[in-house]
Amino acid sequence: MSVRGLFETHLTVADLRRSVSFYRDVVGLPVALEVPERGAAFLWIGKAGQAMLGLWSIGSAPMGMHLHIAFDMSLADVLAAPERLRAQGIQPLSFFGEPANEPSVIGWMPAAAIYFRDPDGHMLEYLAMLDGPARPELGIVPWSQQSE
């Protein structure tokens, strides 16, 4: 047996409606199913039936855990993401969680990634694998510094 990929992941959220709007309107995931009586919603990642995100309401209790999800994107989309996120009032972040105007390059993978937080503080990542060999000696640098 071998795992081919991740089919689904789930997050707890403080306000289900707000989070559904965020993942639908900002992240761009289509809603697959909303189950208000269970405080849940499911959104497709990629094509319907390919992968899914489940959102589960935890009511008004304070949350003590923040989780992370990385979405596989094209390089063009990752490069365009900082401007698109800012246009929607969302702060793009570097690998190190600092405000960023460009993706970070993760040399050991190699990949380009931009990060941002959802309304509940979960860290989201748009990631594109890069062509070419891994470059662990590069470390993690801004996109504009990868060729130096």
N, C-alpha and C. Protein backbone atom coordinates (compact mmCIF):
# COMPACT_ATOMS: atom_id res chain seq x y z
N MET A 1 0.84 -1.19 0.00
CA MET A 1 0.00 0.00 0.00
C MET A 1 0.88 1.24 0.00
N SER A 2 0.42 2.26 -0.71
CA SER A 2 1.12 3.54 -0.66
C SER A 2 0.10 4.68 -0.67
N VAL A 3 0.36 5.69 0.12
CA VAL A 3 -0.51 6.86 0.18
C VAL A 3 -0.24 7.73 -1.04
N ARG A 4 -1.31 8.13 -1.73
CA ARG A 4 -1.16 8.96 -2.93
C ARG A 4 -1.26 10.44 -2.63
N GLY A 5 -1.87 10.80 -1.53
CA GLY A 5 -2.05 12.21 -1.22
C GLY A 5 -2.97 12.38 -0.04
N LEU A 6 -3.24 13.61 0.33
CA LEU A 6 -4.14 13.92 1.43
C LEU A 6 -5.52 14.18 0.85
N PHE A 7 -6.55 13.49 1.34
CA PHE A 7 -7.89 13.71 0.82
C PHE A 7 -8.64 14.78 1.60
N GLU A 8 -8.51 14.79 2.93
CA GLU A 8 -9.26 15.78 3.68
C GLU A 8 -8.52 16.19 4.93
N THR A 9 -8.86 17.39 5.39
CA THR A 9 -8.38 17.90 6.66
C THR A 9 -9.51 18.71 7.27
N HIS A 10 -9.47 18.88 8.58
CA HIS A 10 -10.56 19.55 9.29
C HIS A 10 -10.00 20.59 10.25
N LEU A 11 -10.73 21.70 10.40
CA LEU A 11 -10.37 22.76 11.33
C LEU A 11 -11.56 23.09 12.20
N THR A 12 -11.29 23.47 13.45
CA THR A 12 -12.33 24.03 14.29
C THR A 12 -12.32 25.54 14.10
N VAL A 13 -13.50 26.13 14.11
CA VAL A 13 -13.64 27.57 13.87
C VAL A 13 -14.60 28.18 14.87
N ALA A 14 -14.39 29.45 15.22
CA ALA A 14 -15.23 30.13 16.19
C ALA A 14 -16.56 30.58 15.58
N ASP A 15 -16.55 30.95 14.31
CA ASP A 15 -17.75 31.45 13.64
C ASP A 15 -17.83 30.78 12.27
N LEU A 16 -18.71 29.80 12.15
CA LEU A 16 -18.78 29.00 10.94
C LEU A 16 -19.10 29.84 9.70
N ARG A 17 -20.07 30.74 9.80
CA ARG A 17 -20.43 31.57 8.63
C ARG A 17 -19.24 32.41 8.16
N ARG A 18 -18.56 33.03 9.12
CA ARG A 18 -17.39 33.85 8.78
C ARG A 18 -16.32 33.01 8.10
N SER A 19 -16.08 31.81 8.62
CA SER A 19 -15.04 30.95 8.06
C SER A 19 -15.43 30.41 6.70
N VAL A 20 -16.69 30.05 6.50
CA VAL A 20 -17.13 29.60 5.18
C VAL A 20 -16.92 30.73 4.18
N SER A 21 -17.30 31.95 4.54
CA SER A 21 -17.10 33.09 3.64
C SER A 21 -15.62 33.29 3.33
N PHE A 22 -14.76 33.19 4.33
CA PHE A 22 -13.32 33.36 4.13
C PHE A 22 -12.77 32.31 3.17
N TYR A 23 -13.06 31.05 3.43
CA TYR A 23 -12.50 29.99 2.59
C TYR A 23 -13.11 29.99 1.19
N ARG A 24 -14.37 30.41 1.07
CA ARG A 24 -15.00 30.50 -0.24
C ARG A 24 -14.52 31.73 -1.00
N ASP A 25 -14.58 32.90 -0.36
CA ASP A 25 -14.34 34.16 -1.07
C ASP A 25 -12.88 34.58 -1.13
N VAL A 26 -12.08 34.25 -0.13
CA VAL A 26 -10.67 34.64 -0.11
C VAL A 26 -9.80 33.52 -0.67
N VAL A 27 -9.96 32.31 -0.11
CA VAL A 27 -9.12 31.20 -0.55
C VAL A 27 -9.59 30.64 -1.88
N GLY A 28 -10.88 30.74 -2.16
CA GLY A 28 -11.41 30.31 -3.46
C GLY A 28 -11.88 28.86 -3.50
N LEU A 29 -12.25 28.30 -2.35
CA LEU A 29 -12.72 26.92 -2.32
C LEU A 29 -14.24 26.88 -2.47
N PRO A 30 -14.76 26.06 -3.39
CA PRO A 30 -16.22 25.96 -3.52
C PRO A 30 -16.82 25.15 -2.37
N VAL A 31 -17.97 25.59 -1.91
CA VAL A 31 -18.68 24.88 -0.84
C VAL A 31 -19.26 23.59 -1.42
N ALA A 32 -18.97 22.49 -0.76
CA ALA A 32 -19.52 21.19 -1.16
C ALA A 32 -20.82 20.91 -0.42
N LEU A 33 -20.84 21.20 0.88
CA LEU A 33 -22.02 20.89 1.70
C LEU A 33 -21.95 21.71 2.98
N GLU A 34 -23.09 22.28 3.37
CA GLU A 34 -23.20 22.93 4.67
C GLU A 34 -24.21 22.15 5.50
N VAL A 35 -23.87 21.90 6.75
CA VAL A 35 -24.73 21.13 7.66
C VAL A 35 -24.92 21.97 8.92
N PRO A 36 -25.77 23.01 8.86
CA PRO A 36 -25.90 23.94 9.98
C PRO A 36 -26.31 23.25 11.29
N GLU A 37 -27.14 22.23 11.22
CA GLU A 37 -27.57 21.56 12.45
C GLU A 37 -26.43 20.86 13.17
N ARG A 38 -25.35 20.58 12.46
CA ARG A 38 -24.16 19.98 13.07
C ARG A 38 -23.04 20.99 13.25
N GLY A 39 -23.27 22.25 12.82
CA GLY A 39 -22.24 23.27 12.93
C GLY A 39 -21.04 22.96 12.06
N ALA A 40 -21.30 22.44 10.85
CA ALA A 40 -20.21 21.99 9.98
C ALA A 40 -20.43 22.46 8.55
N ALA A 41 -19.32 22.58 7.83
CA ALA A 41 -19.36 22.86 6.40
C ALA A 41 -18.16 22.17 5.76
N PHE A 42 -18.34 21.78 4.51
CA PHE A 42 -17.28 21.09 3.77
C PHE A 42 -17.06 21.82 2.45
N LEU A 43 -15.79 22.03 2.12
CA LEU A 43 -15.43 22.75 0.90
C LEU A 43 -14.47 21.88 0.10
N TRP A 44 -14.61 21.92 -1.22
CA TRP A 44 -13.71 21.17 -2.09
C TRP A 44 -12.38 21.90 -2.23
N ILE A 45 -11.31 21.14 -2.28
CA ILE A 45 -9.99 21.67 -2.58
C ILE A 45 -9.63 21.08 -3.93
N GLY A 46 -9.43 21.93 -4.94
CA GLY A 46 -9.23 21.42 -6.29
C GLY A 46 -10.57 20.99 -6.87
N LYS A 47 -10.55 19.96 -7.69
CA LYS A 47 -11.77 19.47 -8.31
C LYS A 47 -12.66 18.78 -7.28
N ALA A 48 -13.98 18.85 -7.48
CA ALA A 48 -14.91 18.15 -6.59
C ALA A 48 -14.53 16.68 -6.52
N GLY A 49 -14.44 16.18 -5.31
CA GLY A 49 -14.09 14.79 -5.11
C GLY A 49 -12.60 14.52 -5.02
N GLN A 50 -11.78 15.55 -5.20
CA GLN A 50 -10.32 15.40 -5.18
C GLN A 50 -9.77 15.53 -3.76
N ALA A 51 -10.18 16.57 -3.04
CA ALA A 51 -9.75 16.79 -1.66
C ALA A 51 -10.75 17.72 -1.00
N MET A 52 -10.80 17.68 0.35
CA MET A 52 -11.85 18.40 1.06
C MET A 52 -11.33 19.02 2.34
N LEU A 53 -11.90 20.18 2.67
CA LEU A 53 -11.66 20.84 3.95
C LEU A 53 -12.97 20.83 4.72
N GLY A 54 -12.93 20.34 5.95
CA GLY A 54 -14.09 20.37 6.83
C GLY A 54 -13.91 21.46 7.86
N LEU A 55 -14.94 22.27 8.08
CA LEU A 55 -14.94 23.31 9.10
C LEU A 55 -15.98 22.94 10.15
N TRP A 56 -15.59 22.98 11.42
CA TRP A 56 -16.45 22.57 12.53
C TRP A 56 -16.52 23.69 13.56
N SER A 57 -17.73 24.17 13.84
CA SER A 57 -17.91 25.25 14.80
C SER A 57 -17.65 24.75 16.21
N ILE A 58 -16.94 25.58 16.99
CA ILE A 58 -16.75 25.25 18.40
C ILE A 58 -17.49 26.24 19.29
N GLY A 59 -18.38 27.02 18.72
CA GLY A 59 -19.15 27.98 19.50
C GLY A 59 -18.30 29.17 19.91
N SER A 60 -18.57 29.68 21.09
CA SER A 60 -17.88 30.89 21.53
C SER A 60 -16.73 30.61 22.49
N ALA A 61 -16.40 29.34 22.70
CA ALA A 61 -15.28 29.01 23.59
C ALA A 61 -13.97 29.50 22.98
N PRO A 62 -13.04 29.99 23.82
CA PRO A 62 -11.75 30.42 23.27
C PRO A 62 -10.98 29.22 22.73
N MET A 63 -10.26 29.46 21.66
CA MET A 63 -9.50 28.38 21.04
C MET A 63 -8.06 28.47 21.50
N GLY A 64 -7.46 27.34 21.83
CA GLY A 64 -6.08 27.32 22.27
C GLY A 64 -5.15 26.70 21.25
N MET A 65 -5.67 26.27 20.10
CA MET A 65 -4.83 25.58 19.13
C MET A 65 -4.99 26.22 17.76
N HIS A 66 -3.87 26.50 17.12
CA HIS A 66 -3.88 26.98 15.75
C HIS A 66 -3.21 25.93 14.89
N LEU A 67 -3.83 25.63 13.77
CA LEU A 67 -3.36 24.57 12.88
C LEU A 67 -2.84 25.15 11.57
N HIS A 68 -2.35 24.28 10.71
CA HIS A 68 -1.72 24.71 9.47
C HIS A 68 -2.20 23.83 8.32
N ILE A 69 -2.49 24.48 7.19
CA ILE A 69 -2.84 23.77 5.96
C ILE A 69 -2.05 24.41 4.82
N ALA A 70 -1.48 23.60 3.95
CA ALA A 70 -0.80 24.09 2.75
C ALA A 70 -1.61 23.65 1.53
N PHE A 71 -1.90 24.61 0.66
CA PHE A 71 -2.63 24.34 -0.57
C PHE A 71 -1.66 24.31 -1.74
N ASP A 72 -1.70 23.27 -2.55
CA ASP A 72 -0.88 23.13 -3.74
C ASP A 72 -1.39 24.09 -4.80
N MET A 73 -0.50 24.96 -5.29
CA MET A 73 -0.88 25.97 -6.27
C MET A 73 0.13 26.00 -7.41
N SER A 74 -0.22 26.67 -8.49
CA SER A 74 0.75 26.91 -9.55
C SER A 74 1.72 27.99 -9.07
N LEU A 75 2.91 28.01 -9.64
CA LEU A 75 3.88 29.03 -9.27
C LEU A 75 3.35 30.43 -9.58
N ALA A 76 2.69 30.59 -10.71
CA ALA A 76 2.13 31.90 -11.06
C ALA A 76 1.15 32.38 -10.00
N ASP A 77 0.32 31.47 -9.50
CA ASP A 77 -0.65 31.85 -8.46
C ASP A 77 0.05 32.20 -7.14
N VAL A 78 1.09 31.46 -6.79
CA VAL A 78 1.83 31.76 -5.55
C VAL A 78 2.50 33.14 -5.67
N LEU A 79 3.07 33.43 -6.82
CA LEU A 79 3.73 34.72 -7.03
C LEU A 79 2.73 35.88 -6.99
N ALA A 80 1.51 35.65 -7.47
CA ALA A 80 0.48 36.68 -7.50
C ALA A 80 -0.26 36.81 -6.17
N ALA A 81 -0.14 35.83 -5.31
CA ALA A 81 -0.92 35.78 -4.07
C ALA A 81 -0.71 36.97 -3.14
N PRO A 82 0.51 37.46 -2.90
CA PRO A 82 0.63 38.58 -1.96
C PRO A 82 -0.23 39.78 -2.34
N GLU A 83 -0.19 40.16 -3.60
CA GLU A 83 -1.00 41.30 -4.05
C GLU A 83 -2.49 40.99 -3.91
N ARG A 84 -2.89 39.79 -4.29
CA ARG A 84 -4.31 39.41 -4.21
C ARG A 84 -4.78 39.37 -2.76
N LEU A 85 -3.96 38.85 -1.86
CA LEU A 85 -4.33 38.80 -0.45
C LEU A 85 -4.47 40.21 0.12
N ARG A 86 -3.50 41.08 -0.16
CA ARG A 86 -3.56 42.46 0.35
C ARG A 86 -4.81 43.17 -0.16
N ALA A 87 -5.19 42.92 -1.42
CA ALA A 87 -6.38 43.55 -1.99
C ALA A 87 -7.64 43.13 -1.23
N GLN A 88 -7.56 42.01 -0.54
CA GLN A 88 -8.70 41.53 0.25
C GLN A 88 -8.53 41.82 1.74
N GLY A 89 -7.56 42.64 2.07
CA GLY A 89 -7.36 43.03 3.46
C GLY A 89 -6.65 41.99 4.31
N ILE A 90 -5.91 41.10 3.67
CA ILE A 90 -5.22 40.02 4.38
C ILE A 90 -3.71 40.23 4.25
N GLN A 91 -3.01 40.13 5.37
CA GLN A 91 -1.57 40.33 5.40
C GLN A 91 -0.84 39.08 4.94
N PRO A 92 -0.12 39.13 3.81
CA PRO A 92 0.72 38.00 3.42
C PRO A 92 1.91 37.91 4.37
N LEU A 93 2.35 36.68 4.65
CA LEU A 93 3.43 36.45 5.59
C LEU A 93 4.53 35.60 4.97
N SER A 94 5.73 35.77 5.49
CA SER A 94 6.85 34.93 5.07
C SER A 94 6.81 33.60 5.82
N PHE A 95 7.72 32.72 5.49
CA PHE A 95 7.87 31.44 6.20
C PHE A 95 8.02 31.68 7.70
N PHE A 96 8.62 32.80 8.07
CA PHE A 96 8.89 33.10 9.47
C PHE A 96 7.76 33.88 10.15
N GLY A 97 6.64 34.06 9.44
CA GLY A 97 5.47 34.71 10.02
C GLY A 97 5.53 36.22 10.04
N GLU A 98 6.45 36.80 9.29
CA GLU A 98 6.58 38.25 9.22
C GLU A 98 5.90 38.77 7.95
N PRO A 99 5.40 40.02 7.97
CA PRO A 99 4.78 40.58 6.77
C PRO A 99 5.72 40.44 5.57
N ALA A 100 5.14 40.06 4.42
CA ALA A 100 5.95 39.79 3.23
C ALA A 100 5.26 40.35 1.99
N ASN A 101 6.09 40.77 1.03
CA ASN A 101 5.59 41.23 -0.26
C ASN A 101 5.82 40.20 -1.35
N GLU A 102 6.49 39.10 -1.00
CA GLU A 102 6.82 38.05 -1.96
C GLU A 102 6.89 36.71 -1.24
N PRO A 103 6.77 35.62 -1.99
CA PRO A 103 6.87 34.30 -1.37
C PRO A 103 8.26 34.04 -0.79
N SER A 104 8.30 33.08 0.10
CA SER A 104 9.56 32.54 0.60
C SER A 104 9.93 31.35 -0.26
N VAL A 105 11.22 31.11 -0.44
CA VAL A 105 11.70 29.91 -1.12
C VAL A 105 12.28 28.99 -0.06
N ILE A 106 11.82 27.76 -0.06
CA ILE A 106 12.27 26.74 0.88
C ILE A 106 13.22 25.85 0.10
N GLY A 107 14.50 26.05 0.31
CA GLY A 107 15.52 25.43 -0.53
C GLY A 107 15.55 23.91 -0.51
N TRP A 108 15.31 23.29 0.62
CA TRP A 108 15.46 21.83 0.69
C TRP A 108 14.38 21.09 -0.09
N MET A 109 13.24 21.74 -0.41
CA MET A 109 12.16 21.02 -1.08
C MET A 109 12.40 20.87 -2.59
N PRO A 110 12.64 21.78 -3.42
CA PRO A 110 12.50 23.22 -3.28
C PRO A 110 11.06 23.65 -3.60
N ALA A 111 10.62 24.72 -2.92
CA ALA A 111 9.26 25.20 -3.11
C ALA A 111 9.21 26.70 -2.85
N ALA A 112 8.21 27.35 -3.44
CA ALA A 112 7.90 28.75 -3.14
C ALA A 112 6.59 28.76 -2.38
N ALA A 113 6.52 29.58 -1.34
CA ALA A 113 5.31 29.58 -0.51
C ALA A 113 5.04 30.96 0.05
N ILE A 114 3.76 31.27 0.18
CA ILE A 114 3.32 32.48 0.86
C ILE A 114 2.31 32.04 1.92
N TYR A 115 2.32 32.70 3.05
CA TYR A 115 1.51 32.31 4.19
C TYR A 115 0.55 33.42 4.56
N PHE A 116 -0.55 33.06 5.24
CA PHE A 116 -1.51 34.04 5.76
C PHE A 116 -2.39 33.33 6.77
N ARG A 117 -3.10 34.11 7.56
CA ARG A 117 -3.94 33.53 8.61
C ARG A 117 -5.42 33.65 8.26
N ASP A 118 -6.18 32.64 8.68
CA ASP A 118 -7.62 32.70 8.52
C ASP A 118 -8.21 33.45 9.71
N PRO A 119 -9.54 33.69 9.74
CA PRO A 119 -10.12 34.47 10.83
C PRO A 119 -9.91 33.85 12.22
N ASP A 120 -9.62 32.57 12.31
CA ASP A 120 -9.41 31.92 13.59
C ASP A 120 -7.93 31.79 13.96
N GLY A 121 -7.06 32.34 13.13
CA GLY A 121 -5.64 32.30 13.43
C GLY A 121 -4.91 31.09 12.87
N HIS A 122 -5.60 30.20 12.16
CA HIS A 122 -4.93 29.07 11.53
C HIS A 122 -4.00 29.60 10.44
N MET A 123 -2.81 29.00 10.33
CA MET A 123 -1.83 29.44 9.32
C MET A 123 -2.09 28.69 8.01
N LEU A 124 -2.35 29.44 6.96
CA LEU A 124 -2.58 28.86 5.64
C LEU A 124 -1.37 29.14 4.76
N GLU A 125 -1.16 28.26 3.81
CA GLU A 125 0.00 28.38 2.93
C GLU A 125 -0.40 28.04 1.51
N TYR A 126 -0.01 28.89 0.58
CA TYR A 126 -0.09 28.57 -0.84
C TYR A 126 1.32 28.13 -1.24
N LEU A 127 1.47 26.94 -1.78
CA LEU A 127 2.78 26.38 -2.06
C LEU A 127 2.86 25.86 -3.48
N ALA A 128 3.99 26.13 -4.14
CA ALA A 128 4.27 25.58 -5.47
C ALA A 128 5.64 24.92 -5.41
N MET A 129 5.70 23.66 -5.78
CA MET A 129 6.99 22.98 -5.88
C MET A 129 7.73 23.59 -7.07
N LEU A 130 9.04 23.77 -6.92
CA LEU A 130 9.86 24.36 -7.97
C LEU A 130 10.59 23.28 -8.75
N ASP A 131 10.84 23.55 -10.02
CA ASP A 131 11.65 22.64 -10.84
C ASP A 131 13.10 22.75 -10.38
N GLY A 132 13.85 21.73 -10.66
CA GLY A 132 15.27 21.76 -10.33
C GLY A 132 15.55 21.00 -9.05
N PRO A 133 16.84 20.86 -8.76
CA PRO A 133 17.24 20.07 -7.60
C PRO A 133 17.01 20.83 -6.29
N ALA A 134 16.92 20.08 -5.21
CA ALA A 134 16.84 20.67 -3.88
C ALA A 134 18.12 21.46 -3.62
N ARG A 135 17.98 22.55 -2.89
CA ARG A 135 19.13 23.40 -2.55
C ARG A 135 19.11 23.69 -1.05
N PRO A 136 19.37 22.69 -0.21
CA PRO A 136 19.30 22.92 1.23
C PRO A 136 20.24 24.02 1.72
N GLU A 137 21.35 24.23 1.02
CA GLU A 137 22.29 25.28 1.41
C GLU A 137 21.68 26.67 1.30
N LEU A 138 20.61 26.81 0.51
CA LEU A 138 19.92 28.09 0.34
C LEU A 138 19.18 28.49 1.61
N GLY A 139 18.76 27.49 2.37
CA GLY A 139 17.95 27.78 3.55
C GLY A 139 16.56 28.21 3.12
N ILE A 140 16.05 29.24 3.77
CA ILE A 140 14.74 29.80 3.43
C ILE A 140 14.96 31.29 3.20
N VAL A 141 14.68 31.74 1.98
CA VAL A 141 14.95 33.12 1.58
C VAL A 141 13.76 33.70 0.83
N PRO A 142 13.67 35.03 0.75
CA PRO A 142 12.63 35.65 -0.09
C PRO A 142 12.83 35.26 -1.56
N TRP A 143 11.76 35.22 -2.32
CA TRP A 143 11.78 34.86 -3.73
C TRP A 143 12.86 35.63 -4.49
N SER A 144 12.97 36.92 -4.24
CA SER A 144 13.91 37.77 -4.98
C SER A 144 15.37 37.46 -4.65
N GLN A 145 15.64 36.70 -3.60
CA GLN A 145 17.02 36.40 -3.22
C GLN A 145 17.43 34.96 -3.53
N GLN A 146 16.57 34.20 -4.17
CA GLN A 146 16.87 32.78 -4.39
C GLN A 146 18.04 32.52 -5.31
N SER A 147 18.35 33.42 -6.24
CA SER A 147 19.42 33.15 -7.20
C SER A 147 20.76 33.72 -6.76
N GLU A 148 20.78 34.39 -5.62
CA GLU A 148 22.04 34.99 -5.15
C GLU A 148 22.96 33.94 -4.60
